[in-house]
Amino acid sequence: MNAPNDYLDEFVRLLHNVRITMADGGQPGYDAGMERIVEMFWQCRENRRSVFFCGNGGSAGIAQNMTADYFKNGGIRAHSLYEQTTLTCISNDYTYEAVFSKQLELMAGRGDLLVAISSSGESENIVNAIQTMRMLDGTVVTLTGFQEKNRISTMGDVNLYVPKRHYGMVESIHNMLLQQIVDIIVDRTLVEING
């Protein structure tokens, strides 16, 4: 990628190659897969269930931003797992690998939703968070990239995978996909309000 347009061309190519898979291994395609994810969030909204986002580094930034967007704009009970005192306490008293799972043990419940974001799909603390949500009978959406068969890419009820080993592009596409979902929820809410 030498020219700016090459970067954009590659970004668009990746968007067209985002793979969505279900827990049973089915691949519904982009439209049907996104509709399924929107419905998962919509059910959380309607049933007043909670949504938790988790990620590390750039993915943590996405998680925090989406927590605010889904809460304020989507009308969903979205909770942050990034309160500084809590993060440092759990990391110090347990391990960093438990930084999300310990919080979920105490706050999440049946019917809640975890959005697990990991570019590499190999982060141990994200794996632990997913396993905890499973034990609590919650649902999981994963967003990963890099290697196709990364650990997290098949752990969700619905899994979104970006086929690229490039943090910037993978993170940007993860952010865009999550933004698209909340924007659809906002539009759906307006349709219901306005009849």
C-alpha atoms as a PDB file:
ATOM      1  CA  MET A   1       0.000   0.000   0.000  1.00  0.00           C
ATOM      2  CA  ASN A   2       2.023   2.936  -1.274  1.00  0.00           C
ATOM      3  CA  ALA A   3      -0.624   5.526  -2.106  1.00  0.00           C
ATOM      4  CA  PRO A   4      -3.449   6.791   0.128  1.00  0.00           C
ATOM      5  CA  ASN A   5      -5.980   5.335  -2.309  1.00  0.00           C
ATOM      6  CA  ASP A   6      -4.366   1.906  -1.922  1.00  0.00           C
ATOM      7  CA  TYR A   7      -5.108   2.076   1.800  1.00  0.00           C
ATOM      8  CA  LEU A   8      -8.734   3.007   1.162  1.00  0.00           C
ATOM      9  CA  ASP A   9      -9.097   0.313  -1.495  1.00  0.00           C
ATOM     10  CA  GLU A  10      -7.785  -2.290   0.958  1.00  0.00           C
ATOM     11  CA  PHE A  11     -10.121  -1.003   3.682  1.00  0.00           C
ATOM     12  CA  VAL A  12     -13.142  -1.328   1.383  1.00  0.00           C
ATOM     13  CA  ARG A  13     -11.994  -4.787   0.278  1.00  0.00           C
ATOM     14  CA  LEU A  14     -11.822  -5.879   3.918  1.00  0.00           C
ATOM     15  CA  LEU A  15     -15.283  -4.494   4.614  1.00  0.00           C
ATOM     16  CA  HIS A  16     -16.639  -6.656   1.806  1.00  0.00           C
ATOM     17  CA  ASN A  17     -14.840  -9.670   3.274  1.00  0.00           C
ATOM     18  CA  VAL A  18     -15.929  -9.445   6.905  1.00  0.00           C
ATOM     19  CA  ARG A  19     -16.959 -12.964   7.878  1.00  0.00           C
ATOM     20  CA  ILE A  20     -19.888 -13.553  10.205  1.00  0.00           C
ATOM     21  CA  THR A  21     -20.315 -16.997  11.756  1.00  0.00           C
ATOM     22  CA  MET A  22     -22.799 -18.415  14.227  1.00  0.00           C
ATOM     23  CA  ALA A  23     -22.109 -20.700  17.199  1.00  0.00           C
ATOM     24  CA  ASP A  24     -23.169 -23.714  15.111  1.00  0.00           C
ATOM     25  CA  GLY A  25     -20.642 -22.820  12.405  1.00  0.00           C
ATOM     26  CA  GLY A  26     -23.231 -21.403  10.015  1.00  0.00           C
ATOM     27  CA  GLN A  27     -22.270 -18.392   7.901  1.00  0.00           C
ATOM     28  CA  PRO A  28     -25.415 -16.331   7.290  1.00  0.00           C
ATOM     29  CA  GLY A  29     -23.781 -13.603   5.210  1.00  0.00           C
ATOM     30  CA  TYR A  30     -23.398  -9.960   6.136  1.00  0.00           C
ATOM     31  CA  ASP A  31     -27.010  -8.763   6.009  1.00  0.00           C
ATOM     32  CA  ALA A  32     -28.529 -11.716   7.860  1.00  0.00           C
ATOM     33  CA  GLY A  33     -25.670 -11.800  10.358  1.00  0.00           C
ATOM     34  CA  MET A  34     -25.983  -8.114  11.173  1.00  0.00           C
ATOM     35  CA  GLU A  35     -29.752  -8.461  11.496  1.00  0.00           C
ATOM     36  CA  ARG A  36     -29.201 -11.241  14.023  1.00  0.00           C
ATOM     37  CA  ILE A  37     -26.804  -9.077  16.043  1.00  0.00           C
ATOM     38  CA  VAL A  38     -29.154  -6.086  15.964  1.00  0.00           C
ATOM     39  CA  GLU A  39     -31.920  -8.339  17.263  1.00  0.00           C
ATOM     40  CA  MET A  40     -29.698  -9.505  20.130  1.00  0.00           C
ATOM     41  CA  PHE A  41     -29.142  -5.905  21.193  1.00  0.00           C
ATOM     42  CA  TRP A  42     -32.799  -5.037  20.638  1.00  0.00           C
ATOM     43  CA  GLN A  43     -33.890  -7.866  22.940  1.00  0.00           C
ATOM     44  CA  CYS A  44     -31.514  -6.592  25.625  1.00  0.00           C
ATOM     45  CA  ARG A  45     -33.073  -3.158  25.232  1.00  0.00           C
ATOM     46  CA  GLU A  46     -36.653  -4.431  25.339  1.00  0.00           C
ATOM     47  CA  ASN A  47     -36.045  -6.771  28.285  1.00  0.00           C
ATOM     48  CA  ARG A  48     -33.882  -4.255  30.182  1.00  0.00           C
ATOM     49  CA  ARG A  49     -30.900  -6.602  30.145  1.00  0.00           C
ATOM     50  CA  SER A  50     -27.329  -5.352  30.384  1.00  0.00           C
ATOM     51  CA  VAL A  51     -24.650  -5.104  27.713  1.00  0.00           C
ATOM     52  CA  PHE A  52     -20.931  -5.186  28.514  1.00  0.00           C
ATOM     53  CA  PHE A  53     -18.093  -4.337  26.112  1.00  0.00           C
ATOM     54  CA  CYS A  54     -14.500  -5.451  26.699  1.00  0.00           C
ATOM     55  CA  GLY A  55     -11.193  -5.152  24.891  1.00  0.00           C
ATOM     56  CA  ASN A  56      -7.536  -4.212  25.428  1.00  0.00           C
ATOM     57  CA  GLY A  57      -5.576  -1.263  24.061  1.00  0.00           C
ATOM     58  CA  GLY A  58      -7.289   0.212  21.006  1.00  0.00           C
ATOM     59  CA  SER A  59     -10.124  -2.260  21.491  1.00  0.00           C
ATOM     60  CA  ALA A  60     -10.599  -0.853  25.011  1.00  0.00           C
ATOM     61  CA  GLY A  61     -11.065   2.565  23.432  1.00  0.00           C
ATOM     62  CA  ILE A  62     -13.703   1.123  21.121  1.00  0.00           C
ATOM     63  CA  ALA A  63     -15.370  -0.613  24.080  1.00  0.00           C
ATOM     64  CA  GLN A  64     -15.566   2.599  26.096  1.00  0.00           C
ATOM     65  CA  ASN A  65     -16.860   4.643  23.178  1.00  0.00           C
ATOM     66  CA  MET A  66     -19.504   2.061  22.332  1.00  0.00           C
ATOM     67  CA  THR A  67     -20.595   1.795  25.958  1.00  0.00           C
ATOM     68  CA  ALA A  68     -21.472   5.498  25.808  1.00  0.00           C
ATOM     69  CA  ASP A  69     -23.130   5.290  22.375  1.00  0.00           C
ATOM     70  CA  TYR A  70     -25.256   2.249  23.140  1.00  0.00           C
ATOM     71  CA  PHE A  71     -26.285   3.760  26.486  1.00  0.00           C
ATOM     72  CA  LYS A  72     -27.060   7.308  25.378  1.00  0.00           C
ATOM     73  CA  ASN A  73     -28.144   6.823  21.766  1.00  0.00           C
ATOM     74  CA  GLY A  74     -29.346   3.216  21.790  1.00  0.00           C
ATOM     75  CA  GLY A  75     -31.215   3.356  25.098  1.00  0.00           C
ATOM     76  CA  ILE A  76     -29.487   0.163  26.229  1.00  0.00           C
ATOM     77  CA  ARG A  77     -28.200  -0.621  29.718  1.00  0.00           C
ATOM     78  CA  ALA A  78     -24.553  -0.585  28.668  1.00  0.00           C
ATOM     79  CA  HIS A  79     -21.989  -0.807  31.461  1.00  0.00           C
ATOM     80  CA  SER A  80     -18.333   0.168  31.457  1.00  0.00           C
ATOM     81  CA  LEU A  81     -15.752  -2.336  32.697  1.00  0.00           C
ATOM     82  CA  TYR A  82     -13.051   0.363  32.729  1.00  0.00           C
ATOM     83  CA  GLU A  83     -13.369   2.185  36.047  1.00  0.00           C
ATOM     84  CA  GLN A  84      -9.739   2.853  36.998  1.00  0.00           C
ATOM     85  CA  THR A  85      -9.891   1.834  40.642  1.00  0.00           C
ATOM     86  CA  THR A  86     -11.661  -1.418  39.792  1.00  0.00           C
ATOM     87  CA  LEU A  87      -9.222  -2.254  36.979  1.00  0.00           C
ATOM     88  CA  THR A  88      -6.156  -1.716  39.125  1.00  0.00           C
ATOM     89  CA  CYS A  89      -7.680  -3.462  42.140  1.00  0.00           C
ATOM     90  CA  ILE A  90      -8.567  -6.630  40.233  1.00  0.00           C
ATOM     91  CA  SER A  91      -5.254  -6.623  38.346  1.00  0.00           C
ATOM     92  CA  ASN A  92      -3.339  -6.279  41.600  1.00  0.00           C
ATOM     93  CA  ASP A  93      -5.383  -8.587  43.845  1.00  0.00           C
ATOM     94  CA  TYR A  94      -6.109 -11.297  41.251  1.00  0.00           C
ATOM     95  CA  THR A  95      -4.458 -11.059  37.823  1.00  0.00           C
ATOM     96  CA  TYR A  96      -4.916  -8.968  34.707  1.00  0.00           C
ATOM     97  CA  GLU A  97      -6.367 -12.102  33.100  1.00  0.00           C
ATOM     98  CA  ALA A  98      -9.344 -11.753  35.525  1.00  0.00           C
ATOM     99  CA  VAL A  99      -9.889  -8.030  35.002  1.00  0.00           C
ATOM    100  CA  PHE A 100     -13.132  -8.487  33.014  1.00  0.00           C
ATOM    101  CA  SER A 101     -14.312 -11.909  34.162  1.00  0.00           C
ATOM    102  CA  LYS A 102     -14.316 -10.921  37.843  1.00  0.00           C
ATOM    103  CA  GLN A 103     -16.484  -7.903  37.111  1.00  0.00           C
ATOM    104  CA  LEU A 104     -18.867  -9.996  35.045  1.00  0.00           C
ATOM    105  CA  GLU A 105     -19.144 -12.566  37.836  1.00  0.00           C
ATOM    106  CA  LEU A 106     -20.472  -9.815  40.087  1.00  0.00           C
ATOM    107  CA  MET A 107     -22.553  -7.754  37.633  1.00  0.00           C
ATOM    108  CA  ALA A 108     -23.775  -9.895  34.739  1.00  0.00           C
ATOM    109  CA  GLY A 109     -26.628 -12.358  34.657  1.00  0.00           C
ATOM    110  CA  ARG A 110     -28.804 -14.561  32.498  1.00  0.00           C
ATOM    111  CA  GLY A 111     -29.816 -12.862  29.271  1.00  0.00           C
ATOM    112  CA  ASP A 112     -27.118 -10.194  29.414  1.00  0.00           C
ATOM    113  CA  LEU A 113     -24.829  -9.644  26.430  1.00  0.00           C
ATOM    114  CA  LEU A 114     -21.035  -9.430  26.234  1.00  0.00           C
ATOM    115  CA  VAL A 115     -19.312  -7.814  23.244  1.00  0.00           C
ATOM    116  CA  ALA A 116     -15.743  -9.174  23.205  1.00  0.00           C
ATOM    117  CA  ILE A 117     -13.341  -7.184  21.010  1.00  0.00           C
ATOM    118  CA  SER A 118      -9.836  -8.495  20.289  1.00  0.00           C
ATOM    119  CA  SER A 119      -7.836  -7.785  17.154  1.00  0.00           C
ATOM    120  CA  SER A 120      -5.641 -10.847  17.668  1.00  0.00           C
ATOM    121  CA  GLY A 121      -8.394 -13.026  19.104  1.00  0.00           C
ATOM    122  CA  GLU A 122      -5.872 -14.399  21.595  1.00  0.00           C
ATOM    123  CA  SER A 123      -6.229 -12.202  24.706  1.00  0.00           C
ATOM    124  CA  GLU A 124      -6.533 -14.374  27.798  1.00  0.00           C
ATOM    125  CA  ASN A 125      -8.623 -11.860  29.721  1.00  0.00           C
ATOM    126  CA  ILE A 126     -11.139 -11.735  26.856  1.00  0.00           C
ATOM    127  CA  VAL A 127     -11.273 -15.548  26.685  1.00  0.00           C
ATOM    128  CA  ASN A 128     -11.955 -15.606  30.443  1.00  0.00           C
ATOM    129  CA  ALA A 129     -14.689 -12.978  30.096  1.00  0.00           C
ATOM    130  CA  ILE A 130     -16.427 -15.027  27.402  1.00  0.00           C
ATOM    131  CA  GLN A 131     -16.236 -18.194  29.490  1.00  0.00           C
ATOM    132  CA  THR A 132     -17.679 -16.346  32.487  1.00  0.00           C
ATOM    133  CA  MET A 133     -20.567 -14.971  30.432  1.00  0.00           C
ATOM    134  CA  ARG A 134     -21.279 -18.494  29.192  1.00  0.00           C
ATOM    135  CA  MET A 135     -21.417 -19.801  32.786  1.00  0.00           C
ATOM    136  CA  LEU A 136     -23.923 -17.049  33.579  1.00  0.00           C
ATOM    137  CA  ASP A 137     -26.180 -18.029  30.632  1.00  0.00           C
ATOM    138  CA  GLY A 138     -25.452 -14.788  28.833  1.00  0.00           C
ATOM    139  CA  THR A 139     -24.882 -14.291  25.126  1.00  0.00           C
ATOM    140  CA  VAL A 140     -21.682 -13.241  23.368  1.00  0.00           C
ATOM    141  CA  VAL A 141     -20.739 -11.348  20.216  1.00  0.00           C
ATOM    142  CA  THR A 142     -17.049 -11.471  19.256  1.00  0.00           C
ATOM    143  CA  LEU A 143     -15.068  -9.186  16.969  1.00  0.00           C
ATOM    144  CA  THR A 144     -11.612 -10.401  15.960  1.00  0.00           C
ATOM    145  CA  GLY A 145      -9.008 -10.200  13.196  1.00  0.00           C
ATOM    146  CA  PHE A 146      -5.509 -11.458  12.383  1.00  0.00           C
ATOM    147  CA  GLN A 147      -5.415 -15.284  12.153  1.00  0.00           C
ATOM    148  CA  GLU A 148      -8.614 -16.868  10.874  1.00  0.00           C
ATOM    149  CA  LYS A 149      -8.578 -19.597  13.503  1.00  0.00           C
ATOM    150  CA  ASN A 150      -7.791 -17.439  16.523  1.00  0.00           C
ATOM    151  CA  ARG A 151      -9.077 -18.644  19.903  1.00  0.00           C
ATOM    152  CA  ILE A 152     -11.955 -16.186  20.214  1.00  0.00           C
ATOM    153  CA  SER A 153     -13.285 -16.333  16.634  1.00  0.00           C
ATOM    154  CA  THR A 154     -15.666 -19.226  17.355  1.00  0.00           C
ATOM    155  CA  MET A 155     -16.521 -18.553  21.010  1.00  0.00           C
ATOM    156  CA  GLY A 156     -19.518 -16.259  20.463  1.00  0.00           C
ATOM    157  CA  ASP A 157     -23.143 -16.784  19.585  1.00  0.00           C
ATOM    158  CA  VAL A 158     -22.251 -14.553  16.640  1.00  0.00           C
ATOM    159  CA  ASN A 159     -18.659 -13.906  15.552  1.00  0.00           C
ATOM    160  CA  LEU A 160     -17.360 -11.148  13.282  1.00  0.00           C
ATOM    161  CA  TYR A 161     -13.908 -11.657  11.781  1.00  0.00           C
ATOM    162  CA  VAL A 162     -11.811  -9.187   9.755  1.00  0.00           C
ATOM    163  CA  PRO A 163      -9.302 -11.074   7.553  1.00  0.00           C
ATOM    164  CA  LYS A 164      -6.260  -8.854   8.080  1.00  0.00           C
ATOM    165  CA  ARG A 165      -3.192  -8.734  10.306  1.00  0.00           C
ATOM    166  CA  HIS A 166      -3.157  -4.953  10.734  1.00  0.00           C
ATOM    167  CA  TYR A 167      -4.258  -3.313  13.978  1.00  0.00           C
ATOM    168  CA  GLY A 168      -5.387  -0.029  12.428  1.00  0.00           C
ATOM    169  CA  MET A 169      -7.663  -1.577   9.833  1.00  0.00           C
ATOM    170  CA  VAL A 170      -9.051  -4.294  12.099  1.00  0.00           C
ATOM    171  CA  GLU A 171      -9.835  -1.833  14.896  1.00  0.00           C
ATOM    172  CA  SER A 172     -11.345   0.711  12.494  1.00  0.00           C
ATOM    173  CA  ILE A 173     -13.634  -1.921  10.986  1.00  0.00           C
ATOM    174  CA  HIS A 174     -14.645  -3.234  14.418  1.00  0.00           C
ATOM    175  CA  ASN A 175     -15.552   0.315  15.420  1.00  0.00           C
ATOM    176  CA  MET A 176     -17.510   0.864  12.221  1.00  0.00           C
ATOM    177  CA  LEU A 177     -19.466  -2.406  12.563  1.00  0.00           C
ATOM    178  CA  LEU A 178     -20.482  -1.588  16.132  1.00  0.00           C
ATOM    179  CA  GLN A 179     -21.407   1.951  15.089  1.00  0.00           C
ATOM    180  CA  GLN A 180     -23.572   0.574  12.302  1.00  0.00           C
ATOM    181  CA  ILE A 181     -25.427  -1.642  14.775  1.00  0.00           C
ATOM    182  CA  VAL A 182     -26.248   1.173  17.194  1.00  0.00           C
ATOM    183  CA  ASP A 183     -27.262   3.452  14.309  1.00  0.00           C
ATOM    184  CA  ILE A 184     -29.708   0.788  13.094  1.00  0.00           C
ATOM    185  CA  ILE A 185     -31.110   0.554  16.628  1.00  0.00           C
ATOM    186  CA  VAL A 186     -31.545   4.342  16.757  1.00  0.00           C
ATOM    187  CA  ASP A 187     -33.332   4.333  13.382  1.00  0.00           C
ATOM    188  CA  ARG A 188     -35.573   1.428  14.463  1.00  0.00           C
ATOM    189  CA  THR A 189     -36.465   3.295  17.657  1.00  0.00           C
ATOM    190  CA  LEU A 190     -37.426   6.402  15.677  1.00  0.00           C
ATOM    191  CA  VAL A 191     -39.648   4.343  13.379  1.00  0.00           C
ATOM    192  CA  GLU A 192     -41.445   2.847  16.388  1.00  0.00           C
ATOM    193  CA  ILE A 193     -41.889   6.244  18.030  1.00  0.00           C
ATOM    194  CA  ASN A 194     -43.161   7.926  14.861  1.00  0.00           C
ATOM    195  CA  GLY A 195     -45.264   4.982  13.743  1.00  0.00           C
END
